[in-house]
N, C-alpha and C. Protein backbone atom coordinates (compact mmCIF):
# COMPACT_ATOMS: atom_id res chain seq x y z
N MET A 1 5.27 25.32 -23.84
CA MET A 1 5.31 23.98 -24.40
C MET A 1 4.32 23.10 -23.66
N GLU A 2 3.48 22.41 -24.40
CA GLU A 2 2.47 21.56 -23.79
C GLU A 2 3.12 20.29 -23.26
N GLN A 3 2.77 19.94 -22.04
CA GLN A 3 3.32 18.74 -21.41
C GLN A 3 2.39 17.56 -21.69
N THR A 4 2.95 16.44 -22.11
CA THR A 4 2.13 15.26 -22.34
C THR A 4 2.16 14.36 -21.12
N ILE A 5 1.07 13.70 -20.91
CA ILE A 5 0.95 12.77 -19.79
C ILE A 5 1.11 11.36 -20.33
N ASP A 6 1.90 10.56 -19.65
CA ASP A 6 2.13 9.19 -20.06
C ASP A 6 0.80 8.43 -20.07
N PRO A 7 0.33 8.03 -21.24
CA PRO A 7 -0.98 7.37 -21.31
C PRO A 7 -0.98 5.96 -20.73
N SER A 8 0.19 5.41 -20.40
CA SER A 8 0.23 4.07 -19.82
C SER A 8 -0.06 4.09 -18.32
N LEU A 9 -0.11 5.25 -17.72
CA LEU A 9 -0.42 5.34 -16.30
C LEU A 9 -1.87 4.95 -16.06
N GLY A 10 -2.10 4.05 -15.12
CA GLY A 10 -3.44 3.56 -14.85
C GLY A 10 -4.48 4.64 -14.65
N PRO A 11 -4.21 5.65 -13.82
CA PRO A 11 -5.23 6.68 -13.63
C PRO A 11 -5.57 7.44 -14.92
N VAL A 12 -4.61 7.55 -15.83
CA VAL A 12 -4.89 8.21 -17.11
C VAL A 12 -5.78 7.31 -17.95
N LEU A 13 -5.46 6.02 -17.99
CA LEU A 13 -6.27 5.09 -18.77
C LEU A 13 -7.70 5.00 -18.25
N ALA A 14 -7.88 5.17 -16.96
CA ALA A 14 -9.21 5.05 -16.35
C ALA A 14 -9.96 6.38 -16.28
N ARG A 15 -9.44 7.40 -16.92
CA ARG A 15 -10.01 8.75 -16.75
C ARG A 15 -11.48 8.86 -17.16
N THR A 16 -11.97 7.96 -17.99
CA THR A 16 -13.40 7.96 -18.34
C THR A 16 -14.07 6.66 -17.90
N GLY A 17 -13.39 5.91 -17.05
CA GLY A 17 -13.94 4.64 -16.58
C GLY A 17 -14.99 4.82 -15.51
N ASP A 18 -15.58 3.70 -15.12
CA ASP A 18 -16.57 3.76 -14.05
C ASP A 18 -15.85 3.95 -12.70
N GLU A 19 -16.65 4.09 -11.68
CA GLU A 19 -16.10 4.38 -10.35
C GLU A 19 -15.09 3.33 -9.89
N ARG A 20 -15.40 2.07 -10.06
CA ARG A 20 -14.49 1.00 -9.63
C ARG A 20 -13.17 1.08 -10.39
N ALA A 21 -13.24 1.31 -11.69
CA ALA A 21 -12.02 1.39 -12.50
C ALA A 21 -11.14 2.55 -12.04
N VAL A 22 -11.74 3.68 -11.75
CA VAL A 22 -10.97 4.85 -11.31
C VAL A 22 -10.35 4.59 -9.94
N LEU A 23 -11.14 4.09 -9.00
CA LEU A 23 -10.60 3.82 -7.65
C LEU A 23 -9.48 2.79 -7.71
N SER A 24 -9.69 1.73 -8.45
CA SER A 24 -8.68 0.67 -8.57
C SER A 24 -7.41 1.18 -9.24
N ALA A 25 -7.57 1.99 -10.27
CA ALA A 25 -6.41 2.52 -10.99
C ALA A 25 -5.57 3.42 -10.09
N PHE A 26 -6.20 4.28 -9.31
CA PHE A 26 -5.43 5.15 -8.42
C PHE A 26 -4.74 4.35 -7.32
N LEU A 27 -5.43 3.36 -6.76
CA LEU A 27 -4.80 2.54 -5.72
C LEU A 27 -3.62 1.77 -6.30
N ASP A 28 -3.80 1.15 -7.46
CA ASP A 28 -2.69 0.41 -8.07
C ASP A 28 -1.53 1.33 -8.46
N PHE A 29 -1.84 2.54 -8.89
CA PHE A 29 -0.77 3.49 -9.21
C PHE A 29 0.10 3.75 -7.99
N HIS A 30 -0.52 4.03 -6.85
CA HIS A 30 0.25 4.33 -5.64
C HIS A 30 0.97 3.10 -5.09
N ARG A 31 0.36 1.93 -5.27
CA ARG A 31 1.07 0.69 -4.90
C ARG A 31 2.35 0.57 -5.72
N GLY A 32 2.25 0.86 -7.01
CA GLY A 32 3.41 0.78 -7.89
C GLY A 32 4.47 1.80 -7.55
N VAL A 33 4.05 3.02 -7.20
CA VAL A 33 5.01 4.06 -6.81
C VAL A 33 5.82 3.57 -5.61
N LEU A 34 5.14 3.02 -4.62
CA LEU A 34 5.84 2.51 -3.44
C LEU A 34 6.90 1.49 -3.83
N LEU A 35 6.54 0.55 -4.68
CA LEU A 35 7.51 -0.48 -5.07
C LEU A 35 8.66 0.08 -5.90
N ARG A 36 8.38 1.07 -6.72
CA ARG A 36 9.46 1.68 -7.52
C ARG A 36 10.48 2.39 -6.63
N LYS A 37 10.08 2.82 -5.46
CA LYS A 37 11.01 3.49 -4.55
C LYS A 37 12.08 2.53 -4.03
N LEU A 38 11.81 1.24 -4.08
CA LEU A 38 12.78 0.24 -3.60
C LEU A 38 13.68 -0.28 -4.71
N ARG A 39 13.32 0.01 -5.95
CA ARG A 39 14.06 -0.55 -7.09
C ARG A 39 15.53 -0.16 -7.02
N GLY A 40 16.40 -1.18 -7.07
CA GLY A 40 17.83 -0.96 -7.11
C GLY A 40 18.50 -0.73 -5.77
N LEU A 41 17.74 -0.76 -4.69
CA LEU A 41 18.35 -0.54 -3.37
C LEU A 41 18.79 -1.86 -2.74
N SER A 42 19.85 -1.80 -2.00
CA SER A 42 20.29 -2.96 -1.22
C SER A 42 19.39 -3.10 -0.01
N ASP A 43 19.43 -4.27 0.61
CA ASP A 43 18.67 -4.48 1.84
C ASP A 43 19.08 -3.47 2.90
N ALA A 44 20.39 -3.21 2.97
CA ALA A 44 20.89 -2.26 3.98
C ALA A 44 20.35 -0.85 3.73
N ASP A 45 20.37 -0.40 2.48
CA ASP A 45 19.86 0.94 2.17
C ASP A 45 18.36 1.03 2.42
N ALA A 46 17.62 0.00 2.04
CA ALA A 46 16.16 0.02 2.22
C ALA A 46 15.78 -0.03 3.69
N GLY A 47 16.64 -0.59 4.53
CA GLY A 47 16.35 -0.68 5.96
C GLY A 47 16.97 0.40 6.80
N ARG A 48 17.67 1.33 6.16
CA ARG A 48 18.36 2.38 6.91
C ARG A 48 17.40 3.44 7.42
N ARG A 49 17.56 3.82 8.68
CA ARG A 49 16.76 4.90 9.27
C ARG A 49 17.38 6.23 8.90
N LEU A 50 16.57 7.09 8.29
CA LEU A 50 17.03 8.40 7.85
C LEU A 50 16.27 9.54 8.50
N VAL A 51 15.26 9.20 9.27
CA VAL A 51 14.44 10.19 9.98
C VAL A 51 14.35 9.76 11.44
N PRO A 52 13.96 10.66 12.33
CA PRO A 52 13.92 10.31 13.76
C PRO A 52 13.02 9.12 14.09
N SER A 53 11.94 8.93 13.35
CA SER A 53 11.07 7.79 13.63
C SER A 53 11.73 6.52 13.10
N ALA A 54 11.09 5.39 13.34
CA ALA A 54 11.62 4.10 12.87
C ALA A 54 11.25 3.82 11.41
N THR A 55 10.70 4.80 10.72
CA THR A 55 10.26 4.62 9.33
C THR A 55 11.44 4.41 8.40
N THR A 56 11.38 3.32 7.63
CA THR A 56 12.37 3.02 6.60
C THR A 56 11.63 2.65 5.33
N LEU A 57 12.34 2.64 4.21
CA LEU A 57 11.71 2.23 2.96
C LEU A 57 11.18 0.80 3.06
N ALA A 58 12.00 -0.11 3.55
CA ALA A 58 11.56 -1.50 3.68
C ALA A 58 10.42 -1.61 4.69
N GLY A 59 10.49 -0.85 5.77
CA GLY A 59 9.45 -0.86 6.78
C GLY A 59 8.11 -0.37 6.25
N LEU A 60 8.14 0.59 5.32
CA LEU A 60 6.89 1.06 4.71
C LEU A 60 6.21 -0.05 3.92
N VAL A 61 7.00 -0.84 3.20
CA VAL A 61 6.42 -1.94 2.43
C VAL A 61 5.86 -3.00 3.39
N LYS A 62 6.59 -3.29 4.44
CA LYS A 62 6.10 -4.27 5.43
C LYS A 62 4.80 -3.77 6.06
N HIS A 63 4.76 -2.50 6.42
CA HIS A 63 3.56 -1.92 7.03
C HIS A 63 2.37 -2.00 6.08
N LEU A 64 2.57 -1.59 4.82
CA LEU A 64 1.45 -1.59 3.89
C LEU A 64 1.00 -3.00 3.53
N THR A 65 1.86 -3.99 3.68
CA THR A 65 1.45 -5.38 3.50
C THR A 65 0.43 -5.74 4.57
N LEU A 66 0.71 -5.38 5.81
CA LEU A 66 -0.24 -5.63 6.89
C LEU A 66 -1.54 -4.86 6.65
N VAL A 67 -1.43 -3.62 6.21
CA VAL A 67 -2.61 -2.79 5.97
C VAL A 67 -3.50 -3.42 4.88
N GLU A 68 -2.87 -3.89 3.80
CA GLU A 68 -3.63 -4.57 2.74
C GLU A 68 -4.37 -5.77 3.30
N ARG A 69 -3.68 -6.59 4.07
CA ARG A 69 -4.31 -7.80 4.64
C ARG A 69 -5.43 -7.44 5.61
N ASN A 70 -5.19 -6.41 6.41
CA ASN A 70 -6.17 -6.00 7.41
C ASN A 70 -7.47 -5.54 6.75
N TRP A 71 -7.35 -4.65 5.76
CA TRP A 71 -8.54 -4.02 5.19
C TRP A 71 -9.27 -4.88 4.18
N PHE A 72 -8.58 -5.72 3.45
CA PHE A 72 -9.27 -6.49 2.42
C PHE A 72 -9.63 -7.90 2.89
N PRO A 73 -8.72 -8.87 2.91
CA PRO A 73 -9.18 -10.21 3.27
C PRO A 73 -9.67 -10.33 4.72
N THR A 74 -8.96 -9.74 5.66
CA THR A 74 -9.35 -9.93 7.06
C THR A 74 -10.69 -9.27 7.37
N LEU A 75 -10.93 -8.09 6.83
CA LEU A 75 -12.19 -7.39 7.12
C LEU A 75 -13.31 -7.82 6.19
N LEU A 76 -13.02 -7.98 4.90
CA LEU A 76 -14.06 -8.22 3.92
C LEU A 76 -14.33 -9.70 3.63
N ALA A 77 -13.32 -10.53 3.80
CA ALA A 77 -13.48 -11.96 3.50
C ALA A 77 -12.68 -12.79 4.49
N PRO A 78 -13.00 -12.66 5.77
CA PRO A 78 -12.18 -13.31 6.79
C PRO A 78 -12.25 -14.83 6.71
N GLU A 79 -11.13 -15.43 7.04
CA GLU A 79 -11.04 -16.88 7.15
C GLU A 79 -10.90 -17.21 8.63
N PRO A 80 -11.17 -18.45 9.01
CA PRO A 80 -11.04 -18.82 10.43
C PRO A 80 -9.65 -18.44 10.96
N GLY A 81 -9.65 -17.80 12.10
CA GLY A 81 -8.40 -17.40 12.74
C GLY A 81 -7.92 -16.01 12.38
N ASP A 82 -8.50 -15.39 11.34
CA ASP A 82 -8.11 -14.02 10.98
C ASP A 82 -8.50 -13.06 12.09
N VAL A 83 -7.58 -12.18 12.45
CA VAL A 83 -7.81 -11.18 13.48
C VAL A 83 -7.47 -9.82 12.90
N TYR A 84 -8.41 -8.88 13.00
CA TYR A 84 -8.17 -7.52 12.54
C TYR A 84 -7.28 -6.84 13.58
N LEU A 85 -6.10 -6.39 13.16
CA LEU A 85 -5.12 -5.83 14.10
C LEU A 85 -5.37 -4.35 14.30
N THR A 86 -5.45 -3.94 15.57
CA THR A 86 -5.77 -2.55 15.87
C THR A 86 -4.86 -1.92 16.93
N SER A 87 -4.00 -2.70 17.56
CA SER A 87 -3.25 -2.16 18.69
C SER A 87 -2.05 -1.33 18.24
N GLU A 88 -1.58 -0.51 19.14
CA GLU A 88 -0.37 0.29 18.89
C GLU A 88 0.83 -0.62 18.70
N GLU A 89 0.87 -1.72 19.44
CA GLU A 89 1.96 -2.68 19.29
C GLU A 89 1.97 -3.28 17.89
N ASP A 90 0.79 -3.59 17.37
CA ASP A 90 0.69 -4.13 16.01
C ASP A 90 1.20 -3.10 14.99
N ALA A 91 0.85 -1.85 15.20
CA ALA A 91 1.29 -0.79 14.29
C ALA A 91 2.81 -0.66 14.30
N VAL A 92 3.40 -0.63 15.47
CA VAL A 92 4.86 -0.51 15.58
C VAL A 92 5.53 -1.73 14.95
N ALA A 93 5.01 -2.91 15.24
CA ALA A 93 5.60 -4.15 14.69
C ALA A 93 5.51 -4.17 13.17
N SER A 94 4.48 -3.54 12.61
CA SER A 94 4.31 -3.58 11.15
C SER A 94 5.41 -2.81 10.42
N PHE A 95 6.08 -1.92 11.09
CA PHE A 95 7.20 -1.16 10.50
C PHE A 95 8.56 -1.76 10.86
N THR A 96 8.60 -2.66 11.83
CA THR A 96 9.85 -3.18 12.37
C THR A 96 10.36 -4.34 11.53
N LEU A 97 11.60 -4.22 11.09
CA LEU A 97 12.20 -5.25 10.24
C LEU A 97 12.90 -6.31 11.09
N GLY A 98 12.72 -7.57 10.68
CA GLY A 98 13.46 -8.65 11.29
C GLY A 98 14.86 -8.71 10.69
N ASP A 99 15.79 -9.31 11.40
CA ASP A 99 17.18 -9.38 10.95
C ASP A 99 17.34 -10.06 9.60
N GLN A 100 16.48 -11.01 9.31
CA GLN A 100 16.63 -11.80 8.09
C GLN A 100 15.71 -11.34 6.95
N GLU A 101 14.90 -10.31 7.16
CA GLU A 101 13.97 -9.87 6.10
C GLU A 101 14.73 -9.14 5.00
N THR A 102 14.41 -9.50 3.77
CA THR A 102 15.06 -8.88 2.62
C THR A 102 14.05 -8.06 1.84
N VAL A 103 14.56 -7.13 1.05
CA VAL A 103 13.69 -6.34 0.18
C VAL A 103 12.91 -7.26 -0.74
N ALA A 104 13.58 -8.24 -1.32
CA ALA A 104 12.90 -9.15 -2.25
C ALA A 104 11.73 -9.86 -1.58
N GLU A 105 11.93 -10.34 -0.35
CA GLU A 105 10.86 -11.02 0.37
C GLU A 105 9.73 -10.07 0.72
N LEU A 106 10.07 -8.87 1.16
CA LEU A 106 9.05 -7.88 1.52
C LEU A 106 8.23 -7.47 0.30
N VAL A 107 8.90 -7.27 -0.83
CA VAL A 107 8.20 -6.90 -2.06
C VAL A 107 7.28 -8.04 -2.50
N ALA A 108 7.77 -9.27 -2.45
CA ALA A 108 6.95 -10.41 -2.85
C ALA A 108 5.72 -10.55 -1.95
N ALA A 109 5.90 -10.36 -0.65
CA ALA A 109 4.77 -10.44 0.28
C ALA A 109 3.76 -9.32 -0.01
N TYR A 110 4.25 -8.13 -0.31
CA TYR A 110 3.36 -7.00 -0.63
C TYR A 110 2.60 -7.28 -1.92
N GLU A 111 3.29 -7.78 -2.93
CA GLU A 111 2.63 -8.08 -4.19
C GLU A 111 1.55 -9.15 -4.01
N ARG A 112 1.83 -10.16 -3.19
CA ARG A 112 0.82 -11.20 -2.91
C ARG A 112 -0.37 -10.59 -2.17
N ALA A 113 -0.10 -9.73 -1.20
CA ALA A 113 -1.19 -9.10 -0.44
C ALA A 113 -2.04 -8.22 -1.35
N CYS A 114 -1.40 -7.48 -2.24
CA CYS A 114 -2.15 -6.62 -3.17
C CYS A 114 -2.99 -7.47 -4.13
N ALA A 115 -2.44 -8.56 -4.61
CA ALA A 115 -3.20 -9.44 -5.51
C ALA A 115 -4.42 -10.00 -4.78
N ARG A 116 -4.24 -10.41 -3.54
CA ARG A 116 -5.37 -10.92 -2.75
C ARG A 116 -6.38 -9.80 -2.51
N SER A 117 -5.92 -8.60 -2.22
CA SER A 117 -6.82 -7.47 -2.03
C SER A 117 -7.65 -7.21 -3.28
N ARG A 118 -6.99 -7.23 -4.44
CA ARG A 118 -7.70 -7.02 -5.71
C ARG A 118 -8.79 -8.07 -5.91
N ALA A 119 -8.45 -9.33 -5.62
CA ALA A 119 -9.41 -10.42 -5.80
C ALA A 119 -10.61 -10.25 -4.86
N VAL A 120 -10.34 -9.92 -3.62
CA VAL A 120 -11.43 -9.71 -2.66
C VAL A 120 -12.30 -8.55 -3.10
N ALA A 121 -11.69 -7.44 -3.45
CA ALA A 121 -12.45 -6.25 -3.86
C ALA A 121 -13.28 -6.54 -5.11
N ALA A 122 -12.71 -7.27 -6.05
CA ALA A 122 -13.42 -7.57 -7.30
C ALA A 122 -14.64 -8.45 -7.07
N SER A 123 -14.65 -9.21 -5.98
CA SER A 123 -15.75 -10.12 -5.72
C SER A 123 -16.94 -9.45 -5.04
N LEU A 124 -16.79 -8.19 -4.69
CA LEU A 124 -17.83 -7.50 -3.91
C LEU A 124 -18.30 -6.23 -4.62
N ASP A 125 -19.52 -5.87 -4.36
CA ASP A 125 -20.08 -4.62 -4.85
C ASP A 125 -19.49 -3.45 -4.05
N LEU A 126 -19.32 -2.30 -4.68
CA LEU A 126 -18.79 -1.13 -3.96
C LEU A 126 -19.64 -0.75 -2.75
N ASP A 127 -20.91 -1.08 -2.79
CA ASP A 127 -21.82 -0.76 -1.69
C ASP A 127 -21.80 -1.82 -0.58
N HIS A 128 -21.01 -2.88 -0.75
CA HIS A 128 -20.92 -3.93 0.26
C HIS A 128 -20.43 -3.32 1.58
N VAL A 129 -21.13 -3.59 2.65
CA VAL A 129 -20.83 -3.00 3.97
C VAL A 129 -20.49 -4.12 4.95
N VAL A 130 -19.46 -3.86 5.76
CA VAL A 130 -19.06 -4.80 6.80
C VAL A 130 -18.85 -4.03 8.11
N PRO A 131 -18.97 -4.73 9.24
CA PRO A 131 -18.65 -4.07 10.50
C PRO A 131 -17.14 -3.89 10.65
N HIS A 132 -16.76 -2.78 11.23
CA HIS A 132 -15.36 -2.49 11.51
C HIS A 132 -15.23 -2.34 13.03
N PRO A 133 -14.18 -2.92 13.62
CA PRO A 133 -14.09 -2.92 15.09
C PRO A 133 -13.96 -1.55 15.73
N GLN A 134 -13.58 -0.53 14.99
CA GLN A 134 -13.42 0.80 15.57
C GLN A 134 -14.36 1.83 14.96
N LEU A 135 -14.76 1.65 13.72
CA LEU A 135 -15.49 2.68 12.98
C LEU A 135 -16.98 2.42 12.83
N GLY A 136 -17.43 1.27 13.23
CA GLY A 136 -18.81 0.90 12.94
C GLY A 136 -18.83 0.21 11.58
N GLU A 137 -19.77 0.57 10.73
CA GLU A 137 -19.83 -0.05 9.40
C GLU A 137 -19.02 0.76 8.39
N VAL A 138 -18.41 0.04 7.45
CA VAL A 138 -17.69 0.67 6.35
C VAL A 138 -18.04 -0.07 5.06
N SER A 139 -18.04 0.66 3.96
CA SER A 139 -18.32 0.05 2.65
C SER A 139 -17.01 -0.24 1.93
N LEU A 140 -17.08 -1.11 0.94
CA LEU A 140 -15.91 -1.35 0.10
C LEU A 140 -15.47 -0.05 -0.56
N ARG A 141 -16.40 0.77 -0.99
CA ARG A 141 -16.06 2.07 -1.60
C ARG A 141 -15.21 2.90 -0.64
N TRP A 142 -15.63 2.99 0.63
CA TRP A 142 -14.89 3.76 1.63
C TRP A 142 -13.51 3.16 1.84
N ILE A 143 -13.44 1.82 1.90
CA ILE A 143 -12.15 1.15 2.09
C ILE A 143 -11.21 1.48 0.94
N LEU A 144 -11.69 1.44 -0.29
CA LEU A 144 -10.84 1.76 -1.44
C LEU A 144 -10.31 3.20 -1.36
N VAL A 145 -11.17 4.13 -1.01
CA VAL A 145 -10.72 5.53 -0.89
C VAL A 145 -9.71 5.65 0.25
N HIS A 146 -10.00 4.99 1.37
CA HIS A 146 -9.05 5.03 2.49
C HIS A 146 -7.70 4.43 2.09
N MET A 147 -7.73 3.33 1.36
CA MET A 147 -6.47 2.69 0.95
C MET A 147 -5.70 3.54 -0.06
N ILE A 148 -6.40 4.28 -0.89
CA ILE A 148 -5.71 5.23 -1.79
C ILE A 148 -4.98 6.25 -0.93
N GLU A 149 -5.67 6.80 0.04
CA GLU A 149 -5.07 7.81 0.93
C GLU A 149 -3.89 7.22 1.69
N GLU A 150 -4.08 6.07 2.29
CA GLU A 150 -3.02 5.44 3.11
C GLU A 150 -1.79 5.11 2.26
N THR A 151 -2.03 4.52 1.10
CA THR A 151 -0.92 4.11 0.25
C THR A 151 -0.21 5.33 -0.33
N ALA A 152 -0.97 6.33 -0.76
CA ALA A 152 -0.36 7.54 -1.32
C ALA A 152 0.46 8.28 -0.27
N ARG A 153 -0.05 8.34 0.94
CA ARG A 153 0.68 9.02 2.02
C ARG A 153 2.02 8.33 2.26
N HIS A 154 2.00 7.00 2.33
CA HIS A 154 3.25 6.28 2.56
C HIS A 154 4.15 6.27 1.33
N ALA A 155 3.58 6.33 0.14
CA ALA A 155 4.41 6.46 -1.07
C ALA A 155 5.13 7.80 -1.04
N GLY A 156 4.48 8.83 -0.53
CA GLY A 156 5.15 10.13 -0.36
C GLY A 156 6.29 10.05 0.64
N HIS A 157 6.06 9.33 1.74
CA HIS A 157 7.15 9.12 2.69
C HIS A 157 8.31 8.40 2.00
N ALA A 158 7.97 7.38 1.22
CA ALA A 158 9.00 6.61 0.51
C ALA A 158 9.77 7.49 -0.47
N ASP A 159 9.08 8.42 -1.11
CA ASP A 159 9.74 9.33 -2.05
C ASP A 159 10.81 10.16 -1.33
N ILE A 160 10.46 10.66 -0.18
CA ILE A 160 11.42 11.46 0.60
C ILE A 160 12.58 10.59 1.08
N LEU A 161 12.27 9.40 1.59
CA LEU A 161 13.33 8.52 2.07
C LEU A 161 14.26 8.10 0.94
N ARG A 162 13.72 7.84 -0.24
CA ARG A 162 14.57 7.45 -1.37
C ARG A 162 15.46 8.62 -1.77
N GLU A 163 14.92 9.82 -1.78
CA GLU A 163 15.74 10.99 -2.12
C GLU A 163 16.86 11.17 -1.10
N LEU A 164 16.57 10.94 0.17
CA LEU A 164 17.60 11.03 1.20
C LEU A 164 18.64 9.90 1.06
N THR A 165 18.22 8.77 0.53
CA THR A 165 19.12 7.62 0.39
C THR A 165 20.15 7.86 -0.70
N ASP A 166 19.68 8.20 -1.90
CA ASP A 166 20.61 8.30 -3.03
C ASP A 166 20.30 9.42 -4.02
N GLY A 167 19.38 10.30 -3.65
CA GLY A 167 19.06 11.42 -4.51
C GLY A 167 18.01 11.13 -5.55
N GLU A 168 17.61 9.89 -5.70
CA GLU A 168 16.60 9.49 -6.69
C GLU A 168 15.24 10.05 -6.27
N CYS A 169 14.52 10.64 -7.22
CA CYS A 169 13.20 11.17 -6.89
C CYS A 169 12.29 11.03 -8.11
N GLY A 170 11.00 11.22 -7.89
CA GLY A 170 10.01 11.12 -8.93
C GLY A 170 9.14 9.90 -8.74
N ALA A 171 7.93 9.95 -9.26
CA ALA A 171 6.96 8.87 -9.05
C ALA A 171 7.17 7.70 -10.00
N ILE A 172 7.76 7.94 -11.13
CA ILE A 172 7.83 6.89 -12.16
C ILE A 172 9.19 6.24 -12.20
């Protein structure tokens, strides 16, 4: 039996698009997968530690919010006072939940960060190059590919954590 692919999925719609459309579609797809992993969970369930590390579903969203801000506005379109975060302490803090943080607030912050990232990326050519504090120069094209990898990797973590939480699995 032939399996059909949901044509509403961004990567499917962009299958004959230009490079920017394909990169953007895959990044947005994985951003969406991450958010779907939180759908219907309580704050307590989303913040529960299920693996030896401090990784939680809510912590993954908080972390990727920082990653979005770091790679897009802070690196590509910095404003006065923006600091590109690189320390181990910053990385640990990006996963650490505050007592009052809710899933709704974390999701809203992530959605705002992604919208800002999209706007910054759309304003620049894929060949636009900026200095990076650890890597030397990087292009917007490289950043988009890196963000696909980073977001997809954490969406996979979220898939496992969601399955451990309540048995729910799948990307859609």
